[in-house]
C-alpha atoms as a PDB file:
ATOM      1  CA  UNK A   1      88.536  -0.486-114.279  1.00  0.00           C
ATOM      2  CA  UNK A   2      90.138  -3.640-114.438  1.00  0.00           C
ATOM      3  CA  UNK A   3      91.621  -6.351-111.890  1.00  0.00           C
ATOM      4  CA  UNK A   4      94.699  -7.778-112.786  1.00  0.00           C
ATOM      5  CA  UNK A   5      96.324 -10.602-110.569  1.00  0.00           C
ATOM      6  CA  UNK A   6     100.280 -10.593-110.544  1.00  0.00           C
ATOM      7  CA  UNK A   7     103.064 -12.207-109.228  1.00  0.00           C
ATOM      8  CA  UNK A   8     106.894 -11.075-109.179  1.00  0.00           C
ATOM      9  CA  UNK A   9     109.961 -12.046-107.263  1.00  0.00           C
ATOM     10  CA  UNK A  10     111.447 -10.691-104.082  1.00  0.00           C
ATOM     11  CA  UNK A  11     114.994 -12.023-103.693  1.00  0.00           C
ATOM     12  CA  UNK A  12     114.238 -15.195-105.210  1.00  0.00           C
ATOM     13  CA  UNK A  13     110.917 -15.817-103.372  1.00  0.00           C
ATOM     14  CA  UNK A  14     107.536 -15.143-105.383  1.00  0.00           C
ATOM     15  CA  UNK A  15     105.060 -12.705-104.351  1.00  0.00           C
ATOM     16  CA  UNK A  16     101.209 -12.287-105.594  1.00  0.00           C
ATOM     17  CA  UNK A  17      99.766  -8.628-105.987  1.00  0.00           C
ATOM     18  CA  UNK A  18      96.367  -7.258-107.188  1.00  0.00           C
ATOM     19  CA  UNK A  19      96.001  -4.233-109.485  1.00  0.00           C
ATOM     20  CA  UNK A  20      93.492  -2.460-109.919  1.00  0.00           C
ATOM     21  CA  UNK A  21      94.271  -0.366-112.820  1.00  0.00           C
ATOM     22  CA  UNK A  22      93.200   3.257-113.582  1.00  0.00           C
ATOM     23  CA  UNK A  23      94.505   6.208-116.102  1.00  0.00           C
ATOM     24  CA  UNK A  24      95.217   8.524-114.237  1.00  0.00           C
ATOM     25  CA  UNK A  25      98.723   9.795-113.019  1.00  0.00           C
ATOM     26  CA  UNK A  26      99.237   9.128-109.389  1.00  0.00           C
ATOM     27  CA  UNK A  27      98.864   5.587-108.038  1.00  0.00           C
ATOM     28  CA  UNK A  28      98.152   4.085-104.485  1.00  0.00           C
ATOM     29  CA  UNK A  29     100.157   1.236-102.675  1.00  0.00           C
ATOM     30  CA  UNK A  30      98.871  -0.568 -99.743  1.00  0.00           C
ATOM     31  CA  UNK A  31     101.268  -2.228 -97.718  1.00  0.00           C
ATOM     32  CA  UNK A  32      99.229  -4.495 -95.810  1.00  0.00           C
ATOM     33  CA  UNK A  33      99.858  -4.936 -91.798  1.00  0.00           C
ATOM     34  CA  UNK A  34     100.677  -7.909 -89.216  1.00  0.00           C
ATOM     35  CA  UNK A  35      99.991 -10.701 -90.985  1.00  0.00           C
ATOM     36  CA  UNK A  36      96.741  -9.304 -92.908  1.00  0.00           C
ATOM     37  CA  UNK A  37      96.421 -10.924 -96.759  1.00  0.00           C
ATOM     38  CA  UNK A  38      96.147  -7.772 -99.420  1.00  0.00           C
ATOM     39  CA  UNK A  39      91.984  -8.425 -99.511  1.00  0.00           C
ATOM     40  CA  UNK A  40      91.868  -6.874 -96.193  1.00  0.00           C
ATOM     41  CA  UNK A  41      89.710  -7.303 -93.115  1.00  0.00           C
ATOM     42  CA  UNK A  42      86.403  -8.442 -94.126  1.00  0.00           C
ATOM     43  CA  UNK A  43      88.136  -7.986 -97.848  1.00  0.00           C
ATOM     44  CA  UNK A  44      88.062  -3.698 -96.936  1.00  0.00           C
ATOM     45  CA  UNK A  45      91.129  -3.364 -98.506  1.00  0.00           C
ATOM     46  CA  UNK A  46      90.241  -5.132-102.032  1.00  0.00           C
ATOM     47  CA  UNK A  47      86.292  -2.687-102.133  1.00  0.00           C
ATOM     48  CA  UNK A  48      88.842  -0.098-101.122  1.00  0.00           C
ATOM     49  CA  UNK A  49      90.914  -0.538-104.017  1.00  0.00           C
ATOM     50  CA  UNK A  50      87.640  -1.041-106.309  1.00  0.00           C
ATOM     51  CA  UNK A  51      86.420   2.202-105.458  1.00  0.00           C
ATOM     52  CA  UNK A  52      89.435   4.076-105.881  1.00  0.00           C
ATOM     53  CA  UNK A  53      90.442   2.469-109.085  1.00  0.00           C
ATOM     54  CA  UNK A  54      87.005   3.847-110.179  1.00  0.00           C
ATOM     55  CA  UNK A  55      88.085   7.193-109.464  1.00  0.00           C
ATOM     56  CA  UNK A  56      90.758   6.337-112.592  1.00  0.00           C
ATOM     57  CA  UNK A  57      93.499   5.835-109.776  1.00  0.00           C
ATOM     58  CA  UNK A  58      95.365   2.876-110.119  1.00  0.00           C
ATOM     59  CA  UNK A  59      96.273   0.887-107.321  1.00  0.00           C
ATOM     60  CA  UNK A  60      98.188  -1.980-105.796  1.00  0.00           C
ATOM     61  CA  UNK A  61      98.125  -4.152-103.059  1.00  0.00           C
ATOM     62  CA  UNK A  62     100.247  -7.538-102.325  1.00  0.00           C
ATOM     63  CA  UNK A  63     101.223  -9.955 -99.900  1.00  0.00           C
ATOM     64  CA  UNK A  64     104.704  -9.803 -98.286  1.00  0.00           C
ATOM     65  CA  UNK A  65     106.918 -13.275 -98.255  1.00  0.00           C
ATOM     66  CA  UNK A  66     105.231 -15.450 -95.984  1.00  0.00           C
ATOM     67  CA  UNK A  67     101.859 -14.148 -96.046  1.00  0.00           C
ATOM     68  CA  UNK A  68      99.087 -14.814 -97.990  1.00  0.00           C
ATOM     69  CA  UNK A  69      99.832 -16.370-101.694  1.00  0.00           C
ATOM     70  CA  UNK A  70     103.211 -15.480-101.840  1.00  0.00           C
ATOM     71  CA  UNK A  71     106.151 -17.941-100.601  1.00  0.00           C
ATOM     72  CA  UNK A  72     108.490 -17.413 -98.021  1.00  0.00           C
ATOM     73  CA  UNK A  73     108.955 -17.493 -94.564  1.00  0.00           C
ATOM     74  CA  UNK A  74     106.870 -14.439 -92.903  1.00  0.00           C
ATOM     75  CA  UNK A  75     109.801 -12.816 -90.570  1.00  0.00           C
ATOM     76  CA  UNK A  76     107.386  -9.563 -89.575  1.00  0.00           C
ATOM     77  CA  UNK A  77     107.206  -5.836 -90.673  1.00  0.00           C
ATOM     78  CA  UNK A  78     110.725  -4.889 -89.648  1.00  0.00           C
ATOM     79  CA  UNK A  79     112.270  -7.216 -92.187  1.00  0.00           C
ATOM     80  CA  UNK A  80     109.823  -5.815 -95.147  1.00  0.00           C
ATOM     81  CA  UNK A  81     112.121  -3.454 -96.872  1.00  0.00           C
ATOM     82  CA  UNK A  82     112.488  -5.621 -99.872  1.00  0.00           C
ATOM     83  CA  UNK A  83     109.087  -6.563-100.092  1.00  0.00           C
ATOM     84  CA  UNK A  84     107.989  -2.960-100.189  1.00  0.00           C
ATOM     85  CA  UNK A  85     110.990  -2.016-102.965  1.00  0.00           C
ATOM     86  CA  UNK A  86     109.538  -4.580-105.129  1.00  0.00           C
ATOM     87  CA  UNK A  87     106.539  -4.056-104.849  1.00  0.00           C
ATOM     88  CA  UNK A  88     107.045  -0.330-105.901  1.00  0.00           C
ATOM     89  CA  UNK A  89     108.926  -1.866-108.950  1.00  0.00           C
ATOM     90  CA  UNK A  90     106.578  -4.022-110.301  1.00  0.00           C
ATOM     91  CA  UNK A  91     103.585  -1.179-109.705  1.00  0.00           C
ATOM     92  CA  UNK A  92     105.343   1.301-111.824  1.00  0.00           C
ATOM     93  CA  UNK A  93     106.121  -1.305-114.387  1.00  0.00           C
ATOM     94  CA  UNK A  94     103.172  -2.417-114.661  1.00  0.00           C
ATOM     95  CA  UNK A  95     101.162   0.889-114.871  1.00  0.00           C
ATOM     96  CA  UNK A  96     103.624   3.165-116.540  1.00  0.00           C
ATOM     97  CA  UNK A  97     101.245   6.059-116.729  1.00  0.00           C
ATOM     98  CA  UNK A  98     101.890   6.352-112.867  1.00  0.00           C
ATOM     99  CA  UNK A  99     104.073   9.724-112.012  1.00  0.00           C
ATOM    100  CA  UNK A 100     103.736  10.186-108.728  1.00  0.00           C
ATOM    101  CA  UNK A 101     102.899   7.359-105.622  1.00  0.00           C
ATOM    102  CA  UNK A 102     101.351   7.675-102.725  1.00  0.00           C
ATOM    103  CA  UNK A 103     102.064   4.883-100.141  1.00  0.00           C
ATOM    104  CA  UNK A 104      99.398   3.729 -97.143  1.00  0.00           C
ATOM    105  CA  UNK A 105      99.559   1.446 -94.104  1.00  0.00           C
ATOM    106  CA  UNK A 106      97.833   0.681 -91.075  1.00  0.00           C
ATOM    107  CA  UNK A 107      99.003  -0.515 -87.813  1.00  0.00           C
ATOM    108  CA  UNK A 108     102.434  -2.206 -88.388  1.00  0.00           C
ATOM    109  CA  UNK A 109     102.490  -1.410 -92.430  1.00  0.00           C
ATOM    110  CA  UNK A 110     102.542   2.348 -91.533  1.00  0.00           C
ATOM    111  CA  UNK A 111     105.178   1.756 -89.160  1.00  0.00           C
ATOM    112  CA  UNK A 112     106.982  -0.176 -91.800  1.00  0.00           C
ATOM    113  CA  UNK A 113     106.850   2.746 -94.700  1.00  0.00           C
ATOM    114  CA  UNK A 114     108.659   5.480 -92.056  1.00  0.00           C
ATOM    115  CA  UNK A 115     111.205   3.159 -91.663  1.00  0.00           C
ATOM    116  CA  UNK A 116     111.605   1.402 -95.147  1.00  0.00           C
ATOM    117  CA  UNK A 117     109.540   3.347 -97.959  1.00  0.00           C
ATOM    118  CA  UNK A 118     111.611   4.175-100.854  1.00  0.00           C
ATOM    119  CA  UNK A 119     112.520   7.420-102.228  1.00  0.00           C
ATOM    120  CA  UNK A 120     109.799   6.451-105.133  1.00  0.00           C
ATOM    121  CA  UNK A 121     106.969   6.605-102.910  1.00  0.00           C
ATOM    122  CA  UNK A 122     106.016  10.883-103.195  1.00  0.00           C
ATOM    123  CA  UNK A 123     103.719  10.493 -99.985  1.00  0.00           C
ATOM    124  CA  UNK A 124     102.986   8.417 -97.144  1.00  0.00           C
ATOM    125  CA  UNK A 125      99.416   7.985 -95.768  1.00  0.00           C
ATOM    126  CA  UNK A 126      99.854   6.469 -91.947  1.00  0.00           C
ATOM    127  CA  UNK A 127      96.668   5.241 -90.173  1.00  0.00           C
ATOM    128  CA  UNK A 128      97.405   4.369 -86.311  1.00  0.00           C
ATOM    129  CA  UNK A 129     101.232   3.494 -86.637  1.00  0.00           C
ATOM    130  CA  UNK A 130     102.787   0.610 -84.532  1.00  0.00           C
ATOM    131  CA  UNK A 131     104.457   1.558 -81.728  1.00  0.00           C
ATOM    132  CA  UNK A 132     104.375  -1.150 -79.252  1.00  0.00           C
ATOM    133  CA  UNK A 133     107.330  -3.236 -77.884  1.00  0.00           C
ATOM    134  CA  UNK A 134     106.408  -7.091 -77.076  1.00  0.00           C
ATOM    135  CA  UNK A 135     104.608  -7.076 -74.035  1.00  0.00           C
ATOM    136  CA  UNK A 136     103.198  -3.725 -73.973  1.00  0.00           C
ATOM    137  CA  UNK A 137      99.579  -3.313 -73.963  1.00  0.00           C
ATOM    138  CA  UNK A 138      99.175  -0.192 -75.656  1.00  0.00           C
ATOM    139  CA  UNK A 139      98.040   2.374 -73.422  1.00  0.00           C
ATOM    140  CA  UNK A 140     100.469   4.814 -72.106  1.00  0.00           C
ATOM    141  CA  UNK A 141      99.390   7.062 -68.640  1.00  0.00           C
ATOM    142  CA  UNK A 142      98.857   9.896 -70.691  1.00  0.00           C
ATOM    143  CA  UNK A 143      96.913   8.146 -72.962  1.00  0.00           C
ATOM    144  CA  UNK A 144      94.828   6.910 -70.196  1.00  0.00           C
ATOM    145  CA  UNK A 145      94.037  10.226 -68.351  1.00  0.00           C
ATOM    146  CA  UNK A 146      93.054  11.745 -71.482  1.00  0.00           C
ATOM    147  CA  UNK A 147      90.812   8.616 -72.216  1.00  0.00           C
ATOM    148  CA  UNK A 148      89.257   9.032 -68.855  1.00  0.00           C
ATOM    149  CA  UNK A 149      89.129  12.493 -68.452  1.00  0.00           C
ATOM    150  CA  UNK A 150      86.625  12.010 -72.201  1.00  0.00           C
ATOM    151  CA  UNK A 151      84.796   9.393 -70.188  1.00  0.00           C
ATOM    152  CA  UNK A 152      84.100  11.374 -67.172  1.00  0.00           C
ATOM    153  CA  UNK A 153      82.508  14.628 -69.313  1.00  0.00           C
ATOM    154  CA  UNK A 154      79.928  12.197 -70.895  1.00  0.00           C
ATOM    155  CA  UNK A 155      77.046  11.744 -68.576  1.00  0.00           C
ATOM    156  CA  UNK A 156      75.949   8.254 -70.612  1.00  0.00           C
ATOM    157  CA  UNK A 157      79.460   6.725 -68.968  1.00  0.00           C
ATOM    158  CA  UNK A 158      78.038   7.702 -65.746  1.00  0.00           C
ATOM    159  CA  UNK A 159      75.173   5.944 -66.153  1.00  0.00           C
ATOM    160  CA  UNK A 160      77.045   2.952 -67.268  1.00  0.00           C
ATOM    161  CA  UNK A 161      78.798   3.349 -63.894  1.00  0.00           C
ATOM    162  CA  UNK A 162      75.663   3.618 -62.099  1.00  0.00           C
ATOM    163  CA  UNK A 163      74.365   0.143 -63.846  1.00  0.00           C
ATOM    164  CA  UNK A 164      77.050  -1.874 -63.154  1.00  0.00           C
ATOM    165  CA  UNK A 165      78.180  -1.972 -66.580  1.00  0.00           C
ATOM    166  CA  UNK A 166      81.667  -0.753 -66.231  1.00  0.00           C
ATOM    167  CA  UNK A 167      84.419  -3.688 -65.174  1.00  0.00           C
ATOM    168  CA  UNK A 168      85.803  -2.485 -61.806  1.00  0.00           C
ATOM    169  CA  UNK A 169      88.804  -4.894 -62.307  1.00  0.00           C
ATOM    170  CA  UNK A 170      89.768  -2.676 -65.171  1.00  0.00           C
ATOM    171  CA  UNK A 171      88.892   0.786 -63.940  1.00  0.00           C
ATOM    172  CA  UNK A 172      90.773  -0.176 -60.906  1.00  0.00           C
ATOM    173  CA  UNK A 173      93.963  -1.170 -62.962  1.00  0.00           C
ATOM    174  CA  UNK A 174      93.948   2.004 -65.246  1.00  0.00           C
ATOM    175  CA  UNK A 175      93.448   4.422 -62.427  1.00  0.00           C
ATOM    176  CA  UNK A 176      96.432   2.602 -61.081  1.00  0.00           C
ATOM    177  CA  UNK A 177      98.342   3.659 -64.414  1.00  0.00           C
ATOM    178  CA  UNK A 178      96.841   7.028 -64.229  1.00  0.00           C
ATOM    179  CA  UNK A 179      98.752   7.667 -61.309  1.00  0.00           C
ATOM    180  CA  UNK A 180     102.043   6.339 -62.909  1.00  0.00           C
ATOM    181  CA  UNK A 181     104.356   8.691 -64.822  1.00  0.00           C
ATOM    182  CA  UNK A 182     104.916   8.419 -68.095  1.00  0.00           C
ATOM    183  CA  UNK A 183     107.717   6.301 -69.764  1.00  0.00           C
ATOM    184  CA  UNK A 184     109.933   7.499 -71.978  1.00  0.00           C
ATOM    185  CA  UNK A 185     109.894   6.325 -75.119  1.00  0.00           C
ATOM    186  CA  UNK A 186     110.711   2.365 -75.797  1.00  0.00           C
ATOM    187  CA  UNK A 187     113.386   1.965 -78.633  1.00  0.00           C
ATOM    188  CA  UNK A 188     110.355   1.387 -81.496  1.00  0.00           C
ATOM    189  CA  UNK A 189     108.433   4.453 -80.520  1.00  0.00           C
ATOM    190  CA  UNK A 190     111.762   6.497 -80.348  1.00  0.00           C
ATOM    191  CA  UNK A 191     112.896   5.618 -83.602  1.00  0.00           C
ATOM    192  CA  UNK A 192     109.638   5.931 -85.366  1.00  0.00           C
ATOM    193  CA  UNK A 193     109.308   9.344 -83.813  1.00  0.00           C
ATOM    194  CA  UNK A 194     112.566  10.470 -84.750  1.00  0.00           C
ATOM    195  CA  UNK A 195     112.303   9.258 -88.537  1.00  0.00           C
ATOM    196  CA  UNK A 196     109.117  10.969 -88.703  1.00  0.00           C
ATOM    197  CA  UNK A 197     110.003  14.461 -87.619  1.00  0.00           C
ATOM    198  CA  UNK A 198     113.029  14.689 -90.122  1.00  0.00           C
ATOM    199  CA  UNK A 199     110.771  12.912 -93.182  1.00  0.00           C
ATOM    200  CA  UNK A 200     110.595  15.453 -95.939  1.00  0.00           C
ATOM    201  CA  UNK A 201     107.894  13.842 -97.909  1.00  0.00           C
ATOM    202  CA  UNK A 202     104.496  15.346 -97.486  1.00  0.00           C
ATOM    203  CA  UNK A 203     103.100  12.911 -94.562  1.00  0.00           C
ATOM    204  CA  UNK A 204      99.372  12.233 -93.463  1.00  0.00           C
ATOM    205  CA  UNK A 205      98.721  10.401 -90.264  1.00  0.00           C
ATOM    206  CA  UNK A 206      95.168   9.467 -89.629  1.00  0.00           C
ATOM    207  CA  UNK A 207      93.771   8.147 -86.425  1.00  0.00           C
ATOM    208  CA  UNK A 208      91.125   5.931 -85.327  1.00  0.00           C
ATOM    209  CA  UNK A 209      89.580   7.436 -82.252  1.00  0.00           C
ATOM    210  CA  UNK A 210      88.841   3.859 -80.790  1.00  0.00           C
ATOM    211  CA  UNK A 211      91.840   2.084 -81.486  1.00  0.00           C
ATOM    212  CA  UNK A 212      94.646   1.241 -79.106  1.00  0.00           C
ATOM    213  CA  UNK A 213      97.639   1.357 -81.486  1.00  0.00           C
ATOM    214  CA  UNK A 214      96.595   4.515 -82.508  1.00  0.00           C
ATOM    215  CA  UNK A 215      96.354   6.185 -79.193  1.00  0.00           C
ATOM    216  CA  UNK A 216      99.450   4.809 -77.884  1.00  0.00           C
ATOM    217  CA  UNK A 217     101.074   6.374 -80.985  1.00  0.00           C
ATOM    218  CA  UNK A 218      99.402  10.068 -79.797  1.00  0.00           C
ATOM    219  CA  UNK A 219     100.842   9.610 -76.309  1.00  0.00           C
ATOM    220  CA  UNK A 220     104.407   9.437 -78.005  1.00  0.00           C
ATOM    221  CA  UNK A 221     103.754  11.991 -80.927  1.00  0.00           C
ATOM    222  CA  UNK A 222     105.058  15.653 -79.918  1.00  0.00           C
ATOM    223  CA  UNK A 223     103.701  16.909 -83.319  1.00  0.00           C
ATOM    224  CA  UNK A 224     105.617  18.564 -86.410  1.00  0.00           C
ATOM    225  CA  UNK A 225     105.085  19.411 -89.867  1.00  0.00           C
ATOM    226  CA  UNK A 226     102.871  16.587 -90.779  1.00  0.00           C
ATOM    227  CA  UNK A 227      99.304  16.780 -90.677  1.00  0.00           C
ATOM    228  CA  UNK A 228      97.110  14.336 -88.473  1.00  0.00           C
ATOM    229  CA  UNK A 229      93.342  13.408 -88.270  1.00  0.00           C
ATOM    230  CA  UNK A 230      91.220  11.440 -85.933  1.00  0.00           C
ATOM    231  CA  UNK A 231      88.128   9.413 -87.168  1.00  0.00           C
ATOM    232  CA  UNK A 232      85.480   9.913 -84.518  1.00  0.00           C
ATOM    233  CA  UNK A 233      84.246   6.685 -83.554  1.00  0.00           C
ATOM    234  CA  UNK A 234      86.508   4.224 -85.751  1.00  0.00           C
ATOM    235  CA  UNK A 235      87.959   0.986 -84.550  1.00  0.00           C
ATOM    236  CA  UNK A 236      91.516   0.218 -85.783  1.00  0.00           C
ATOM    237  CA  UNK A 237      90.339  -1.213 -89.549  1.00  0.00           C
ATOM    238  CA  UNK A 238      88.296   1.798 -90.314  1.00  0.00           C
ATOM    239  CA  UNK A 239      85.171  -0.842 -90.697  1.00  0.00           C
ATOM    240  CA  UNK A 240      82.589   1.503 -89.643  1.00  0.00           C
ATOM    241  CA  UNK A 241      80.632   3.019 -92.753  1.00  0.00           C
ATOM    242  CA  UNK A 242      81.621   6.206 -91.773  1.00  0.00           C
ATOM    243  CA  UNK A 243      85.517   5.214 -91.245  1.00  0.00           C
ATOM    244  CA  UNK A 244      85.520   3.293 -94.331  1.00  0.00           C
ATOM    245  CA  UNK A 245      84.145   6.421 -96.397  1.00  0.00           C
ATOM    246  CA  UNK A 246      86.606   8.717 -94.519  1.00  0.00           C
ATOM    247  CA  UNK A 247      89.338   6.908 -95.055  1.00  0.00           C
ATOM    248  CA  UNK A 248      88.894   6.482 -99.059  1.00  0.00           C
ATOM    249  CA  UNK A 249      88.311  10.276 -98.849  1.00  0.00           C
ATOM    250  CA  UNK A 250      91.805  11.115 -97.519  1.00  0.00           C
ATOM    251  CA  UNK A 251      93.394   8.430 -99.943  1.00  0.00           C
ATOM    252  CA  UNK A 252      91.650  10.250-102.244  1.00  0.00           C
ATOM    253  CA  UNK A 253      92.500  13.423-101.470  1.00  0.00           C
ATOM    254  CA  UNK A 254      96.420  12.538-101.446  1.00  0.00           C
ATOM    255  CA  UNK A 255      96.418  11.221-104.635  1.00  0.00           C
ATOM    256  CA  UNK A 256      94.455  14.247-106.197  1.00  0.00           C
ATOM    257  CA  UNK A 257      97.081  16.498-104.209  1.00  0.00           C
ATOM    258  CA  UNK A 258     100.023  14.502-105.772  1.00  0.00           C
ATOM    259  CA  UNK A 259      98.064  14.961-109.653  1.00  0.00           C
ATOM    260  CA  UNK A 260      98.061  18.371-108.624  1.00  0.00           C
ATOM    261  CA  UNK A 261     101.386  18.531-108.253  1.00  0.00           C
ATOM    262  CA  UNK A 262     103.036  16.834-110.788  1.00  0.00           C
ATOM    263  CA  UNK A 263     101.446  19.631-112.805  1.00  0.00           C
ATOM    264  CA  UNK A 264     102.992  22.233-110.870  1.00  0.00           C
ATOM    265  CA  UNK A 265     106.226  21.227-111.011  1.00  0.00           C
ATOM    266  CA  UNK A 266     105.817  21.115-114.809  1.00  0.00           C
ATOM    267  CA  UNK A 267     105.057  17.576-115.407  1.00  0.00           C
ATOM    268  CA  UNK A 268     104.501  16.001-118.734  1.00  0.00           C
ATOM    269  CA  UNK A 269     101.123  17.108-120.404  1.00  0.00           C
ATOM    270  CA  UNK A 270      99.842  15.612-123.687  1.00  0.00           C
ATOM    271  CA  UNK A 271      99.322  17.623-126.998  1.00  0.00           C
ATOM    272  CA  UNK A 272      96.694  17.369-128.848  1.00  0.00           C
ATOM    273  CA  UNK A 273      96.723  16.694-132.677  1.00  0.00           C
ATOM    274  CA  UNK A 274      96.710  19.969-133.405  1.00  0.00           C
ATOM    275  CA  UNK A 275      99.920  21.406-131.709  1.00  0.00           C
END
């Protein structure tokens, strides 16, 4: 496995990316969320791609315009369609062995993939998709009810309450929210859910159990044809050792599925010299 740092164009701006090379026929594109640089939280994405590339799968991560080492103005994930398309094109150009492409994003990068991923992306892996509008705190009444129902079944949570380790202010605020009616999805959540319901590509949704963004998504999600998995006791960026391994295994499974699918569809095979 070798690592290569590259630059490429996006509407006159220079984007910076990193390729972890591999020889297998399915590749992983990572789209960073928020203002996160391509190396990820505590270099988590850099470590993740190194481990996946060690299994032979080429991986590419990049900084969109105005983030990290890339030039331009950061206009947020809602304006990242061109960045994603440019990244897909250069990844395929630099790694011609790739026949199938898996695209992964966490938080608003997951939402960006639902909204903008070009057809060259064969599979989407979406972690904690962002559904919140400005001013929302991330918890819908239904999500709060489910959260507190789980806590009430846990004896250690009662012990924390008796010992005064629970904020009575937060408890009062959340209990008030429990009594409220569930609101209708706002525009972003509505658009995201509708697009997901219509998405024909294989799509896996991954939720970190302790993440508010993921829980907010679950409060809107009504189910569908896509798989949904929850990583127990995981935070937003899957930084816990067990969560990191869980995420890596999920991504490798998607890459292996696409590789197998390529051959099921009659993809190219190499002939031996004697054939």
